[in-house]
Amino acid sequence: MTRYDFKEATCFLNECVPLSDMYEDVLMAMHLLSAPKRYLTKKKRAEIWLTLMTCADFLDTINPKQKGGGNEVA
């Protein structure tokens, strides 16, 4: 099983986007996606895109731990 270093992810959640906010944003994006397509305005599509980009930025902060305890990627 791969171990992950969540130091940067924790910083992201504490300083950039609190986990509760991200959770609510994901729920809203899922709700918007379930609406009939005719209701997806340009603004609503932008909200979904922003939510997806925030989640991608968060996932990008999670790094696999290297053997030996370090987390530097060579």
Protein backbone atom coordinates (compact mmCIF):
# COMPACT_ATOMS: atom_id res chain seq x y z
CA MET A 1 0.00 0.00 0.00
CA THR A 2 1.35 3.41 -0.93
CA ARG A 3 1.70 5.92 1.87
CA TYR A 4 1.03 9.59 1.22
CA ASP A 5 2.39 12.82 2.64
CA PHE A 6 -0.53 15.10 3.46
CA LYS A 7 1.46 18.07 4.82
CA GLU A 8 0.81 20.28 1.78
CA ALA A 9 -2.78 19.04 1.53
CA THR A 10 -3.37 20.02 5.16
CA CYS A 11 -1.93 23.47 4.48
CA PHE A 12 -4.19 23.80 1.42
CA LEU A 13 -7.29 22.95 3.48
CA ASN A 14 -6.30 25.20 6.39
CA GLU A 15 -5.24 28.24 4.38
CA CYS A 16 -6.90 28.08 0.96
CA VAL A 17 -10.16 26.16 0.99
CA PRO A 18 -11.58 24.72 4.22
CA LEU A 19 -12.71 21.11 3.80
CA SER A 20 -16.31 21.96 4.70
CA ASP A 21 -16.38 24.62 1.95
CA MET A 22 -14.96 22.21 -0.61
CA TYR A 23 -17.49 19.56 0.40
CA GLU A 24 -20.37 22.02 -0.05
CA ASP A 25 -18.96 23.16 -3.40
CA VAL A 26 -18.76 19.56 -4.63
CA LEU A 27 -22.35 18.90 -3.53
CA MET A 28 -23.52 22.04 -5.35
CA ALA A 29 -21.60 21.07 -8.50
CA MET A 30 -23.20 17.61 -8.42
CA HIS A 31 -26.61 19.24 -8.02
CA LEU A 32 -25.94 21.54 -10.98
CA LEU A 33 -24.86 18.59 -13.12
CA SER A 34 -28.08 16.74 -12.32
CA ALA A 35 -30.20 19.64 -13.59
CA PRO A 36 -31.57 19.52 -17.14
CA LYS A 37 -28.94 20.78 -19.60
CA ARG A 38 -31.03 23.79 -20.56
CA TYR A 39 -30.53 25.16 -17.03
CA LEU A 40 -26.72 25.05 -17.22
CA THR A 41 -26.01 28.71 -17.82
CA LYS A 42 -22.54 30.00 -18.53
CA LYS A 43 -22.29 31.09 -14.87
CA LYS A 44 -23.29 27.65 -13.57
CA ARG A 45 -20.80 25.92 -15.91
CA ALA A 46 -18.11 28.26 -14.57
CA GLU A 47 -19.04 27.30 -10.99
CA ILE A 48 -18.68 23.60 -11.84
CA TRP A 49 -15.34 24.23 -13.56
CA LEU A 50 -14.04 26.19 -10.55
CA THR A 51 -15.05 23.38 -8.19
CA LEU A 52 -13.30 20.78 -10.33
CA MET A 53 -10.15 22.91 -10.54
CA THR A 54 -10.13 23.39 -6.75
CA CYS A 55 -10.40 19.62 -6.25
CA ALA A 56 -7.61 19.05 -8.79
CA ASP A 57 -5.40 21.60 -7.00
CA PHE A 58 -6.07 19.83 -3.70
CA LEU A 59 -5.23 16.40 -5.14
CA ASP A 60 -2.04 17.84 -6.62
CA THR A 61 -0.83 18.67 -3.09
CA ILE A 62 -0.85 15.00 -2.03
CA ASN A 63 2.55 13.41 -2.55
CA PRO A 64 3.58 9.75 -2.29
CA LYS A 65 6.06 9.20 0.55
CA GLN A 66 9.44 7.96 -0.53
CA LYS A 67 11.11 4.99 1.16
CA GLY A 68 13.28 6.16 3.99
CA GLY A 69 10.72 8.68 5.25
CA GLY A 70 11.50 11.53 2.87
CA ASN A 71 8.93 12.96 0.54
CA GLU A 72 11.16 14.53 -2.07
CA VAL A 73 10.47 13.38 -5.62
CA ALA A 74 13.65 12.77 -7.62
